[in-house]
Amino acid sequence: MAWIHLLVAILFEVVGTLLMKRSDGFSNLVAGVFALAAYGICLVFLGIALKSIPVAVAYSIWSGMGIAIVSLAGWFLFRESLTGPRLLFIVLIAASCIGLQLSGPSETAPSSTVRSGQE
């Protein structure tokens, strides 16, 4: 279920970013308000996902997938350039996210075992 929460967080982050572009620096107040709402929903779902997905994995997937989807949406919706090198670096971001996921366990330790920094 945590992965579904992370996916919802990614989708709302993408929507928030695209609405931020549409807000034109908040000169379009309606788009700006909806962008802030989308970011708020995004952070709620990201927080829920972080209960059971390690922060490094969740954040890299959240940001990496966000970058990839927003880049493609920017190309499609706003006619922004998407050159070969940009596509290469998007692929490298995706590869890094996959590598983080494959490099360790997917579940975090219970919060009671988290170190407080005092020993």
PDB file of N, CA and C in Angstrom:
ATOM      1  N   MET A   1       0.820  -1.201   0.000  1.00  0.00           N
ATOM      2  CA  MET A   1       0.000   0.000   0.000  1.00  0.00           C
ATOM      3  C   MET A   1       0.867   1.270   0.000  1.00  0.00           C
ATOM      4  N   ALA A   2       2.043   1.172   0.627  1.00  0.00           N
ATOM      5  CA  ALA A   2       2.928   2.340   0.679  1.00  0.00           C
ATOM      6  C   ALA A   2       3.340   2.773  -0.724  1.00  0.00           C
ATOM      7  N   TRP A   3       3.510   1.806  -1.626  1.00  0.00           N
ATOM      8  CA  TRP A   3       3.908   2.146  -2.990  1.00  0.00           C
ATOM      9  C   TRP A   3       2.781   2.872  -3.718  1.00  0.00           C
ATOM     10  N   ILE A   4       1.552   2.533  -3.405  1.00  0.00           N
ATOM     11  CA  ILE A   4       0.413   3.263  -3.989  1.00  0.00           C
ATOM     12  C   ILE A   4       0.395   4.689  -3.459  1.00  0.00           C
ATOM     13  N   HIS A   5       0.664   4.855  -2.171  1.00  0.00           N
ATOM     14  CA  HIS A   5       0.738   6.206  -1.595  1.00  0.00           C
ATOM     15  C   HIS A   5       1.848   7.007  -2.266  1.00  0.00           C
ATOM     16  N   LEU A   6       2.985   6.356  -2.524  1.00  0.00           N
ATOM     17  CA  LEU A   6       4.081   7.056  -3.193  1.00  0.00           C
ATOM     18  C   LEU A   6       3.683   7.445  -4.611  1.00  0.00           C
ATOM     19  N   LEU A   7       2.998   6.568  -5.311  1.00  0.00           N
ATOM     20  CA  LEU A   7       2.535   6.876  -6.663  1.00  0.00           C
ATOM     21  C   LEU A   7       1.572   8.062  -6.661  1.00  0.00           C
ATOM     22  N   VAL A   8       0.654   8.097  -5.697  1.00  0.00           N
ATOM     23  CA  VAL A   8      -0.283   9.227  -5.588  1.00  0.00           C
ATOM     24  C   VAL A   8       0.496  10.518  -5.305  1.00  0.00           C
ATOM     25  N   ALA A   9       1.509  10.423  -4.432  1.00  0.00           N
ATOM     26  CA  ALA A   9       2.337  11.601  -4.135  1.00  0.00           C
ATOM     27  C   ALA A   9       3.029  12.103  -5.396  1.00  0.00           C
ATOM     28  N   ILE A  10       3.543  11.191  -6.200  1.00  0.00           N
ATOM     29  CA  ILE A  10       4.211  11.575  -7.450  1.00  0.00           C
ATOM     30  C   ILE A  10       3.225  12.259  -8.384  1.00  0.00           C
ATOM     31  N   LEU A  11       2.054  11.686  -8.525  1.00  0.00           N
ATOM     32  CA  LEU A  11       1.052  12.267  -9.432  1.00  0.00           C
ATOM     33  C   LEU A  11       0.652  13.674  -8.996  1.00  0.00           C
ATOM     34  N   PHE A  12       0.437  13.880  -7.692  1.00  0.00           N
ATOM     35  CA  PHE A  12       0.068  15.217  -7.235  1.00  0.00           C
ATOM     36  C   PHE A  12       1.240  16.196  -7.324  1.00  0.00           C
ATOM     37  N   GLU A  13       2.464  15.705  -7.172  1.00  0.00           N
ATOM     38  CA  GLU A  13       3.627  16.582  -7.341  1.00  0.00           C
ATOM     39  C   GLU A  13       3.728  17.039  -8.792  1.00  0.00           C
ATOM     40  N   VAL A  14       3.479  16.136  -9.719  1.00  0.00           N
ATOM     41  CA  VAL A  14       3.499  16.482 -11.140  1.00  0.00           C
ATOM     42  C   VAL A  14       2.395  17.483 -11.454  1.00  0.00           C
ATOM     43  N   VAL A  15       1.189  17.227 -10.971  1.00  0.00           N
ATOM     44  CA  VAL A  15       0.069  18.149 -11.199  1.00  0.00           C
ATOM     45  C   VAL A  15       0.388  19.515 -10.606  1.00  0.00           C
ATOM     46  N   GLY A  16       0.942  19.533  -9.392  1.00  0.00           N
ATOM     47  CA  GLY A  16       1.298  20.806  -8.758  1.00  0.00           C
ATOM     48  C   GLY A  16       2.321  21.584  -9.556  1.00  0.00           C
ATOM     49  N   THR A  17       3.320  20.887 -10.090  1.00  0.00           N
ATOM     50  CA  THR A  17       4.355  21.546 -10.881  1.00  0.00           C
ATOM     51  C   THR A  17       3.788  22.096 -12.184  1.00  0.00           C
ATOM     52  N   LEU A  18       2.951  21.308 -12.848  1.00  0.00           N
ATOM     53  CA  LEU A  18       2.345  21.787 -14.095  1.00  0.00           C
ATOM     54  C   LEU A  18       1.402  22.957 -13.840  1.00  0.00           C
ATOM     55  N   LEU A  19       0.679  22.918 -12.740  1.00  0.00           N
ATOM     56  CA  LEU A  19      -0.187  24.051 -12.397  1.00  0.00           C
ATOM     57  C   LEU A  19       0.632  25.289 -12.026  1.00  0.00           C
ATOM     58  N   MET A  20       1.801  25.066 -11.408  1.00  0.00           N
ATOM     59  CA  MET A  20       2.671  26.196 -11.090  1.00  0.00           C
ATOM     60  C   MET A  20       3.114  26.890 -12.372  1.00  0.00           C
ATOM     61  N   LYS A  21       3.425  26.097 -13.399  1.00  0.00           N
ATOM     62  CA  LYS A  21       3.780  26.682 -14.708  1.00  0.00           C
ATOM     63  C   LYS A  21       2.602  27.488 -15.250  1.00  0.00           C
ATOM     64  N   ARG A  22       1.395  26.928 -15.144  1.00  0.00           N
ATOM     65  CA  ARG A  22       0.186  27.618 -15.624  1.00  0.00           C
ATOM     66  C   ARG A  22      -0.130  28.874 -14.807  1.00  0.00           C
ATOM     67  N   SER A  23       0.326  28.903 -13.551  1.00  0.00           N
ATOM     68  CA  SER A  23       0.019  30.063 -12.701  1.00  0.00           C
ATOM     69  C   SER A  23       0.779  31.310 -13.147  1.00  0.00           C
ATOM     70  N   ASP A  24       1.825  31.106 -13.959  1.00  0.00           N
ATOM     71  CA  ASP A  24       2.611  32.225 -14.487  1.00  0.00           C
ATOM     72  C   ASP A  24       3.083  33.145 -13.362  1.00  0.00           C
ATOM     73  N   GLY A  25       3.815  32.530 -12.418  1.00  0.00           N
ATOM     74  CA  GLY A  25       4.336  33.312 -11.292  1.00  0.00           C
ATOM     75  C   GLY A  25       3.236  33.827 -10.373  1.00  0.00           C
ATOM     76  N   PHE A  26       2.171  33.064 -10.224  1.00  0.00           N
ATOM     77  CA  PHE A  26       0.998  33.390  -9.418  1.00  0.00           C
ATOM     78  C   PHE A  26       0.196  34.563  -9.960  1.00  0.00           C
ATOM     79  N   SER A  27       0.422  34.947 -11.215  1.00  0.00           N
ATOM     80  CA  SER A  27      -0.450  35.964 -11.797  1.00  0.00           C
ATOM     81  C   SER A  27      -1.802  35.358 -12.152  1.00  0.00           C
ATOM     82  N   ASN A  28      -1.850  34.047 -12.352  1.00  0.00           N
ATOM     83  CA  ASN A  28      -3.102  33.319 -12.485  1.00  0.00           C
ATOM     84  C   ASN A  28      -3.353  32.686 -11.122  1.00  0.00           C
ATOM     85  N   LEU A  29      -4.107  33.384 -10.298  1.00  0.00           N
ATOM     86  CA  LEU A  29      -4.284  32.985  -8.903  1.00  0.00           C
ATOM     87  C   LEU A  29      -4.967  31.631  -8.760  1.00  0.00           C
ATOM     88  N   VAL A  30      -5.927  31.332  -9.622  1.00  0.00           N
ATOM     89  CA  VAL A  30      -6.639  30.056  -9.524  1.00  0.00           C
ATOM     90  C   VAL A  30      -5.669  28.891  -9.721  1.00  0.00           C
ATOM     91  N   ALA A  31      -4.851  28.956 -10.760  1.00  0.00           N
ATOM     92  CA  ALA A  31      -3.872  27.891 -10.997  1.00  0.00           C
ATOM     93  C   ALA A  31      -2.875  27.812  -9.845  1.00  0.00           C
ATOM     94  N   GLY A  32      -2.481  28.953  -9.309  1.00  0.00           N
ATOM     95  CA  GLY A  32      -1.545  28.974  -8.186  1.00  0.00           C
ATOM     96  C   GLY A  32      -2.111  28.331  -6.941  1.00  0.00           C
ATOM     97  N   VAL A  33      -3.355  28.616  -6.638  1.00  0.00           N
ATOM     98  CA  VAL A  33      -4.005  28.019  -5.461  1.00  0.00           C
ATOM     99  C   VAL A  33      -4.141  26.513  -5.637  1.00  0.00           C
ATOM    100  N   PHE A  34      -4.543  26.075  -6.817  1.00  0.00           N
ATOM    101  CA  PHE A  34      -4.652  24.636  -7.072  1.00  0.00           C
ATOM    102  C   PHE A  34      -3.272  23.970  -7.034  1.00  0.00           C
ATOM    103  N   ALA A  35      -2.236  24.668  -7.471  1.00  0.00           N
ATOM    104  CA  ALA A  35      -0.883  24.122  -7.391  1.00  0.00           C
ATOM    105  C   ALA A  35      -0.489  23.893  -5.937  1.00  0.00           C
ATOM    106  N   LEU A  36      -0.747  24.868  -5.084  1.00  0.00           N
ATOM    107  CA  LEU A  36      -0.428  24.713  -3.666  1.00  0.00           C
ATOM    108  C   LEU A  36      -1.220  23.572  -3.039  1.00  0.00           C
ATOM    109  N   ALA A  37      -2.486  23.436  -3.423  1.00  0.00           N
ATOM    110  CA  ALA A  37      -3.307  22.338  -2.907  1.00  0.00           C
ATOM    111  C   ALA A  37      -2.742  20.992  -3.360  1.00  0.00           C
ATOM    112  N   ALA A  38      -2.331  20.912  -4.610  1.00  0.00           N
ATOM    113  CA  ALA A  38      -1.759  19.664  -5.127  1.00  0.00           C
ATOM    114  C   ALA A  38      -0.470  19.313  -4.390  1.00  0.00           C
ATOM    115  N   TYR A  39       0.385  20.319  -4.135  1.00  0.00           N
ATOM    116  CA  TYR A  39       1.607  20.066  -3.379  1.00  0.00           C
ATOM    117  C   TYR A  39       1.283  19.608  -1.959  1.00  0.00           C
ATOM    118  N   GLY A  40       0.268  20.201  -1.345  1.00  0.00           N
ATOM    119  CA  GLY A  40      -0.126  19.780  -0.001  1.00  0.00           C
ATOM    120  C   GLY A  40      -0.563  18.327   0.036  1.00  0.00           C
ATOM    121  N   ILE A  41      -1.400  17.943  -0.915  1.00  0.00           N
ATOM    122  CA  ILE A  41      -1.859  16.552  -1.001  1.00  0.00           C
ATOM    123  C   ILE A  41      -0.662  15.635  -1.260  1.00  0.00           C
ATOM    124  N   CYS A  42       0.225  16.075  -2.128  1.00  0.00           N
ATOM    125  CA  CYS A  42       1.433  15.315  -2.436  1.00  0.00           C
ATOM    126  C   CYS A  42       2.228  15.028  -1.162  1.00  0.00           C
ATOM    127  N   LEU A  43       2.453  16.036  -0.354  1.00  0.00           N
ATOM    128  CA  LEU A  43       3.265  15.864   0.852  1.00  0.00           C
ATOM    129  C   LEU A  43       2.589  14.963   1.871  1.00  0.00           C
ATOM    130  N   VAL A  44       1.269  15.008   1.951  1.00  0.00           N
ATOM    131  CA  VAL A  44       0.547  14.107   2.851  1.00  0.00           C
ATOM    132  C   VAL A  44       0.792  12.655   2.430  1.00  0.00           C
ATOM    133  N   PHE A  45       0.628  12.369   1.147  1.00  0.00           N
ATOM    134  CA  PHE A  45       0.811  10.997   0.675  1.00  0.00           C
ATOM    135  C   PHE A  45       2.271  10.565   0.754  1.00  0.00           C
ATOM    136  N   LEU A  46       3.195  11.480   0.516  1.00  0.00           N
ATOM    137  CA  LEU A  46       4.612  11.143   0.658  1.00  0.00           C
ATOM    138  C   LEU A  46       4.917  10.796   2.115  1.00  0.00           C
ATOM    139  N   GLY A  47       4.364  11.564   3.024  1.00  0.00           N
ATOM    140  CA  GLY A  47       4.563  11.277   4.448  1.00  0.00           C
ATOM    141  C   GLY A  47       4.028   9.912   4.850  1.00  0.00           C
ATOM    142  N   ILE A  48       2.882   9.552   4.319  1.00  0.00           N
ATOM    143  CA  ILE A  48       2.310   8.233   4.605  1.00  0.00           C
ATOM    144  C   ILE A  48       3.204   7.138   4.029  1.00  0.00           C
ATOM    145  N   ALA A  49       3.695   7.336   2.813  1.00  0.00           N
ATOM    146  CA  ALA A  49       4.564   6.339   2.183  1.00  0.00           C
ATOM    147  C   ALA A  49       5.851   6.152   2.975  1.00  0.00           C
ATOM    148  N   LEU A  50       6.348   7.229   3.577  1.00  0.00           N
ATOM    149  CA  LEU A  50       7.606   7.163   4.320  1.00  0.00           C
ATOM    150  C   LEU A  50       7.494   6.345   5.608  1.00  0.00           C
ATOM    151  N   LYS A  51       6.288   5.993   5.995  1.00  0.00           N
ATOM    152  CA  LYS A  51       6.142   5.127   7.165  1.00  0.00           C
ATOM    153  C   LYS A  51       6.767   3.758   6.933  1.00  0.00           C
ATOM    154  N   SER A  52       6.773   3.294   5.689  1.00  0.00           N
ATOM    155  CA  SER A  52       7.302   1.957   5.445  1.00  0.00           C
ATOM    156  C   SER A  52       8.299   1.849   4.296  1.00  0.00           C
ATOM    157  N   ILE A  53       8.556   2.925   3.592  1.00  0.00           N
ATOM    158  CA  ILE A  53       9.581   2.913   2.542  1.00  0.00           C
ATOM    159  C   ILE A  53      10.749   3.755   3.047  1.00  0.00           C
ATOM    160  N   PRO A  54      11.971   3.256   2.938  1.00  0.00           N
ATOM    161  CA  PRO A  54      13.126   4.047   3.383  1.00  0.00           C
ATOM    162  C   PRO A  54      13.154   5.410   2.691  1.00  0.00           C
ATOM    163  N   VAL A  55      13.547   6.422   3.428  1.00  0.00           N
ATOM    164  CA  VAL A  55      13.480   7.787   2.924  1.00  0.00           C
ATOM    165  C   VAL A  55      14.331   7.973   1.664  1.00  0.00           C
ATOM    166  N   ALA A  56      15.512   7.380   1.609  1.00  0.00           N
ATOM    167  CA  ALA A  56      16.369   7.540   0.421  1.00  0.00           C
ATOM    168  C   ALA A  56      15.701   6.958  -0.811  1.00  0.00           C
ATOM    169  N   VAL A  57      15.066   5.821  -0.657  1.00  0.00           N
ATOM    170  CA  VAL A  57      14.391   5.173  -1.784  1.00  0.00           C
ATOM    171  C   VAL A  57      13.156   5.970  -2.185  1.00  0.00           C
ATOM    172  N   ALA A  58      12.314   6.302  -1.210  1.00  0.00           N
ATOM    173  CA  ALA A  58      11.067   7.019  -1.514  1.00  0.00           C
ATOM    174  C   ALA A  58      11.358   8.372  -2.145  1.00  0.00           C
ATOM    175  N   TYR A  59      12.301   9.109  -1.574  1.00  0.00           N
ATOM    176  CA  TYR A  59      12.571  10.444  -2.090  1.00  0.00           C
ATOM    177  C   TYR A  59      13.191  10.386  -3.485  1.00  0.00           C
ATOM    178  N   SER A  60      14.085   9.428  -3.712  1.00  0.00           N
ATOM    179  CA  SER A  60      14.698   9.349  -5.041  1.00  0.00           C
ATOM    180  C   SER A  60      13.667   8.965  -6.096  1.00  0.00           C
ATOM    181  N   ILE A  61      12.779   8.049  -5.763  1.00  0.00           N
ATOM    182  CA  ILE A  61      11.742   7.667  -6.720  1.00  0.00           C
ATOM    183  C   ILE A  61      10.772   8.815  -6.922  1.00  0.00           C
ATOM    184  N   TRP A  62      10.372   9.470  -5.835  1.00  0.00           N
ATOM    185  CA  TRP A  62       9.434  10.606  -5.908  1.00  0.00           C
ATOM    186  C   TRP A  62      10.011  11.716  -6.786  1.00  0.00           C
ATOM    187  N   SER A  63      11.236  12.104  -6.503  1.00  0.00           N
ATOM    188  CA  SER A  63      11.829  13.205  -7.278  1.00  0.00           C
ATOM    189  C   SER A  63      12.204  12.766  -8.688  1.00  0.00           C
ATOM    190  N   GLY A  64      12.761  11.572  -8.826  1.00  0.00           N
ATOM    191  CA  GLY A  64      13.168  11.101 -10.142  1.00  0.00           C
ATOM    192  C   GLY A  64      11.999  10.903 -11.086  1.00  0.00           C
ATOM    193  N   MET A  65      10.961  10.258 -10.606  1.00  0.00           N
ATOM    194  CA  MET A  65       9.778  10.068 -11.448  1.00  0.00           C
ATOM    195  C   MET A  65       9.114  11.410 -11.736  1.00  0.00           C
ATOM    196  N   GLY A  66       9.119  12.291 -10.753  1.00  0.00           N
ATOM    197  CA  GLY A  66       8.568  13.628 -10.975  1.00  0.00           C
ATOM    198  C   GLY A  66       9.309  14.358 -12.074  1.00  0.00           C
ATOM    199  N   ILE A  67      10.640  14.293 -12.032  1.00  0.00           N
ATOM    200  CA  ILE A  67      11.451  14.941 -13.063  1.00  0.00           C
ATOM    201  C   ILE A  67      11.130  14.366 -14.437  1.00  0.00           C
ATOM    202  N   ALA A  68      11.090  13.045 -14.517  1.00  0.00           N
ATOM    203  CA  ALA A  68      10.845  12.397 -15.810  1.00  0.00           C
ATOM    204  C   ALA A  68       9.468  12.752 -16.358  1.00  0.00           C
ATOM    205  N   ILE A  69       8.445  12.651 -15.522  1.00  0.00           N
ATOM    206  CA  ILE A  69       7.084  12.915 -15.997  1.00  0.00           C
ATOM    207  C   ILE A  69       6.890  14.387 -16.334  1.00  0.00           C
ATOM    208  N   VAL A  70       7.419  15.280 -15.496  1.00  0.00           N
ATOM    209  CA  VAL A  70       7.286  16.714 -15.771  1.00  0.00           C
ATOM    210  C   VAL A  70       8.050  17.083 -17.032  1.00  0.00           C
ATOM    211  N   SER A  71       9.206  16.482 -17.255  1.00  0.00           N
ATOM    212  CA  SER A  71       9.961  16.764 -18.483  1.00  0.00           C
ATOM    213  C   SER A  71       9.161  16.362 -19.715  1.00  0.00           C
ATOM    214  N   LEU A  72       8.573  15.188 -19.671  1.00  0.00           N
ATOM    215  CA  LEU A  72       7.758  14.737 -20.799  1.00  0.00           C
ATOM    216  C   LEU A  72       6.500  15.584 -20.955  1.00  0.00           C
ATOM    217  N   ALA A  73       5.869  15.933 -19.844  1.00  0.00           N
ATOM    218  CA  ALA A  73       4.668  16.775 -19.903  1.00  0.00           C
ATOM    219  C   ALA A  73       5.012  18.177 -20.403  1.00  0.00           C
ATOM    220  N   GLY A  74       6.167  18.713 -19.996  1.00  0.00           N
ATOM    221  CA  GLY A  74       6.597  20.024 -20.482  1.00  0.00           C
ATOM    222  C   GLY A  74       6.813  20.018 -21.979  1.00  0.00           C
ATOM    223  N   TRP A  75       7.379  18.932 -22.481  1.00  0.00           N
ATOM    224  CA  TRP A  75       7.567  18.789 -23.921  1.00  0.00           C
ATOM    225  C   TRP A  75       6.225  18.711 -24.634  1.00  0.00           C
ATOM    226  N   PHE A  76       5.311  17.929 -24.096  1.00  0.00           N
ATOM    227  CA  PHE A  76       4.014  17.715 -24.732  1.00  0.00           C
ATOM    228  C   PHE A  76       3.075  18.911 -24.584  1.00  0.00           C
ATOM    229  N   LEU A  77       2.960  19.451 -23.371  1.00  0.00           N
ATOM    230  CA  LEU A  77       1.978  20.515 -23.101  1.00  0.00           C
ATOM    231  C   LEU A  77       2.481  21.916 -23.428  1.00  0.00           C
ATOM    232  N   PHE A  78       3.761  22.158 -23.166  1.00  0.00           N
ATOM    233  CA  PHE A  78       4.295  23.519 -23.287  1.00  0.00           C
ATOM    234  C   PHE A  78       5.308  23.660 -24.412  1.00  0.00           C
ATOM    235  N   ARG A  79       5.520  22.591 -25.183  1.00  0.00           N
ATOM    236  CA  ARG A  79       6.456  22.589 -26.309  1.00  0.00           C
ATOM    237  C   ARG A  79       7.881  22.960 -25.879  1.00  0.00           C
ATOM    238  N   GLU A  80       8.268  22.526 -24.662  1.00  0.00           N
ATOM    239  CA  GLU A  80       9.627  22.748 -24.187  1.00  0.00           C
ATOM    240  C   GLU A  80      10.543  21.723 -24.846  1.00  0.00           C
ATOM    241  N   SER A  81      11.812  22.069 -25.000  1.00  0.00           N
ATOM    242  CA  SER A  81      12.716  21.163 -25.707  1.00  0.00           C
ATOM    243  C   SER A  81      13.044  19.938 -24.855  1.00  0.00           C
ATOM    244  N   LEU A  82      13.201  18.833 -25.526  1.00  0.00           N
ATOM    245  CA  LEU A  82      13.573  17.579 -24.880  1.00  0.00           C
ATOM    246  C   LEU A  82      14.631  16.938 -25.771  1.00  0.00           C
ATOM    247  N   THR A  83      15.876  17.334 -25.539  1.00  0.00           N
ATOM    248  CA  THR A  83      16.988  16.917 -26.395  1.00  0.00           C
ATOM    249  C   THR A  83      17.499  15.537 -25.997  1.00  0.00           C
ATOM    250  N   GLY A  84      18.356  14.984 -26.824  1.00  0.00           N
ATOM    251  CA  GLY A  84      18.967  13.691 -26.537  1.00  0.00           C
ATOM    252  C   GLY A  84      19.681  13.652 -25.196  1.00  0.00           C
ATOM    253  N   PRO A  85      20.550  14.641 -24.912  1.00  0.00           N
ATOM    254  CA  PRO A  85      21.221  14.631 -23.605  1.00  0.00           C
ATOM    255  C   PRO A  85      20.236  14.703 -22.431  1.00  0.00           C
ATOM    256  N   ARG A  86      19.163  15.484 -22.563  1.00  0.00           N
ATOM    257  CA  ARG A  86      18.171  15.548 -21.487  1.00  0.00           C
ATOM    258  C   ARG A  86      17.515  14.193 -21.283  1.00  0.00           C
ATOM    259  N   LEU A  87      17.180  13.523 -22.378  1.00  0.00           N
ATOM    260  CA  LEU A  87      16.597  12.181 -22.265  1.00  0.00           C
ATOM    261  C   LEU A  87      17.585  11.212 -21.616  1.00  0.00           C
ATOM    262  N   LEU A  88      18.860  11.317 -21.975  1.00  0.00           N
ATOM    263  CA  LEU A  88      19.877  10.463 -21.369  1.00  0.00           C
ATOM    264  C   LEU A  88      19.922  10.652 -19.857  1.00  0.00           C
ATOM    265  N   PHE A  89      19.907  11.902 -19.405  1.00  0.00           N
ATOM    266  CA  PHE A  89      19.986  12.147 -17.971  1.00  0.00           C
ATOM    267  C   PHE A  89      18.706  11.728 -17.243  1.00  0.00           C
ATOM    268  N   ILE A  90      17.574  11.804 -17.903  1.00  0.00           N
ATOM    269  CA  ILE A  90      16.337  11.282 -17.315  1.00  0.00           C
ATOM    270  C   ILE A  90      16.459   9.771 -17.131  1.00  0.00           C
ATOM    271  N   VAL A  91      17.010   9.087 -18.116  1.00  0.00           N
ATOM    272  CA  VAL A  91      17.227   7.635 -18.013  1.00  0.00           C
ATOM    273  C   VAL A  91      18.194   7.328 -16.866  1.00  0.00           C
ATOM    274  N   LEU A  92      19.237   8.142 -16.710  1.00  0.00           N
ATOM    275  CA  LEU A  92      20.184   7.934 -15.617  1.00  0.00           C
ATOM    276  C   LEU A  92      19.517   8.135 -14.256  1.00  0.00           C
ATOM    277  N   ILE A  93      18.617   9.109 -14.166  1.00  0.00           N
ATOM    278  CA  ILE A  93      17.871   9.313 -12.914  1.00  0.00           C
ATOM    279  C   ILE A  93      17.025   8.073 -12.619  1.00  0.00           C
ATOM    280  N   ALA A  94      16.330   7.571 -13.627  1.00  0.00           N
ATOM    281  CA  ALA A  94      15.509   6.375 -13.439  1.00  0.00           C
ATOM    282  C   ALA A  94      16.379   5.189 -13.027  1.00  0.00           C
ATOM    283  N   ALA A  95      17.538   5.032 -13.653  1.00  0.00           N
ATOM    284  CA  ALA A  95      18.446   3.937 -13.297  1.00  0.00           C
ATOM    285  C   ALA A  95      18.910   4.064 -11.847  1.00  0.00           C
ATOM    286  N   SER A  96      19.164   5.278 -11.404  1.00  0.00           N
ATOM    287  CA  SER A  96      19.571   5.497 -10.014  1.00  0.00           C
ATOM    288  C   SER A  96      18.462   5.107  -9.042  1.00  0.00           C
ATOM    289  N   CYS A  97      17.237   5.460  -9.370  1.00  0.00           N
ATOM    290  CA  CYS A  97      16.099   5.090  -8.518  1.00  0.00           C
ATOM    291  C   CYS A  97      15.964   3.578  -8.423  1.00  0.00           C
ATOM    292  N   ILE A  98      16.098   2.907  -9.543  1.00  0.00           N
ATOM    293  CA  ILE A  98      16.010   1.442  -9.557  1.00  0.00           C
ATOM    294  C   ILE A  98      17.166   0.851  -8.749  1.00  0.00           C
ATOM    295  N   GLY A  99      18.348   1.399  -8.908  1.00  0.00           N
ATOM    296  CA  GLY A  99      19.509   0.919  -8.158  1.00  0.00           C
ATOM    297  C   GLY A  99      19.338   1.062  -6.662  1.00  0.00           C
ATOM    298  N   LEU A 100      18.804   2.182  -6.219  1.00  0.00           N
ATOM    299  CA  LEU A 100      18.557   2.353  -4.785  1.00  0.00           C
ATOM    300  C   LEU A 100      17.567   1.327  -4.265  1.00  0.00           C
ATOM    301  N   GLN A 101      16.537   1.069  -5.030  1.00  0.00           N
ATOM    302  CA  GLN A 101      15.525   0.102  -4.611  1.00  0.00           C
ATOM    303  C   GLN A 101      16.121  -1.306  -4.536  1.00  0.00           C
ATOM    304  N   LEU A 102      16.953  -1.651  -5.494  1.00  0.00           N
ATOM    305  CA  LEU A 102      17.517  -2.997  -5.541  1.00  0.00           C
ATOM    306  C   LEU A 102      18.669  -3.200  -4.570  1.00  0.00           C
ATOM    307  N   SER A 103      19.223  -2.126  -4.040  1.00  0.00           N
ATOM    308  CA  SER A 103      20.429  -2.232  -3.222  1.00  0.00           C
ATOM    309  C   SER A 103      20.179  -2.520  -1.753  1.00  0.00           C
ATOM    310  N   GLY A 104      18.939  -2.594  -1.318  1.00  0.00           N
ATOM    311  CA  GLY A 104      18.703  -2.864   0.094  1.00  0.00           C
ATOM    312  C   GLY A 104      17.274  -3.253   0.365  1.00  0.00           C
ATOM    313  N   PRO A 105      16.983  -3.554   1.618  1.00  0.00           N
ATOM    314  CA  PRO A 105      15.609  -3.945   1.986  1.00  0.00           C
ATOM    315  C   PRO A 105      14.646  -2.785   1.775  1.00  0.00           C
ATOM    316  N   SER A 106      13.397  -3.125   1.476  1.00  0.00           N
ATOM    317  CA  SER A 106      12.412  -2.081   1.179  1.00  0.00           C
ATOM    318  C   SER A 106      11.652  -1.611   2.402  1.00  0.00           C
ATOM    319  N   GLU A 107      11.765  -2.307   3.509  1.00  0.00           N
ATOM    320  CA  GLU A 107      11.021  -1.918   4.712  1.00  0.00           C
ATOM    321  C   GLU A 107      11.956  -1.247   5.704  1.00  0.00           C
ATOM    322  N   THR A 108      11.440  -0.267   6.418  1.00  0.00           N
ATOM    323  CA  THR A 108      12.232   0.419   7.426  1.00  0.00           C
ATOM    324  C   THR A 108      12.077  -0.286   8.756  1.00  0.00           C
ATOM    325  N   ALA A 109      12.987  -0.004   9.657  1.00  0.00           N
ATOM    326  CA  ALA A 109      12.892  -0.545  11.009  1.00  0.00           C
ATOM    327  C   ALA A 109      11.790   0.183  11.755  1.00  0.00           C
ATOM    328  N   PRO A 110      11.207  -0.451  12.760  1.00  0.00           N
ATOM    329  CA  PRO A 110      10.194   0.250  13.564  1.00  0.00           C
ATOM    330  C   PRO A 110      10.784   1.529  14.140  1.00  0.00           C
ATOM    331  N   SER A 111       9.943   2.541  14.304  1.00  0.00           N
ATOM    332  CA  SER A 111      10.424   3.850  14.746  1.00  0.00           C
ATOM    333  C   SER A 111      11.061   3.796  16.123  1.00  0.00           C
ATOM    334  N   SER A 112      10.757   2.801  16.929  1.00  0.00           N
ATOM    335  CA  SER A 112      11.341   2.719  18.266  1.00  0.00           C
ATOM    336  C   SER A 112      12.827   2.372  18.217  1.00  0.00           C
ATOM    337  N   THR A 113      13.307   1.867  17.076  1.00  0.00           N
ATOM    338  CA  THR A 113      14.724   1.528  16.963  1.00  0.00           C
ATOM    339  C   THR A 113      15.540   2.642  16.332  1.00  0.00           C
ATOM    340  N   VAL A 114      14.909   3.745  15.978  1.00  0.00           N
ATOM    341  CA  VAL A 114      15.631   4.862  15.387  1.00  0.00           C
ATOM    342  C   VAL A 114      16.500   5.500  16.461  1.00  0.00           C
ATOM    343  N   ARG A 115      17.736   5.793  16.111  1.00  0.00           N
ATOM    344  CA  ARG A 115      18.673   6.374  17.086  1.00  0.00           C
ATOM    345  C   ARG A 115      18.338   7.842  17.317  1.00  0.00           C
ATOM    346  N   SER A 116      18.454   8.266  18.537  1.00  0.00           N
ATOM    347  CA  SER A 116      18.146   9.647  18.895  1.00  0.00           C
ATOM    348  C   SER A 116      19.368  10.547  18.792  1.00  0.00           C
ATOM    349  N   GLY A 117      20.519   9.970  18.551  1.00  0.00           N
ATOM    350  CA  GLY A 117      21.739  10.782  18.493  1.00  0.00           C
ATOM    351  C   GLY A 117      22.427  10.863  19.823  1.00  0.00           C
ATOM    352  N   GLN A 118      21.800  10.371  20.905  1.00  0.00           N
ATOM    353  CA  GLN A 118      22.398  10.379  22.219  1.00  0.00           C
ATOM    354  C   GLN A 118      22.841   8.964  22.562  1.00  0.00           C
ATOM    355  N   GLU A 119      24.095   8.833  22.997  1.00  0.00           N
ATOM    356  CA  GLU A 119      24.576   7.499  23.358  1.00  0.00           C
ATOM    357  C   GLU A 119      25.254   7.553  24.677  1.00  0.00           C
TER     358      GLU A 119
END
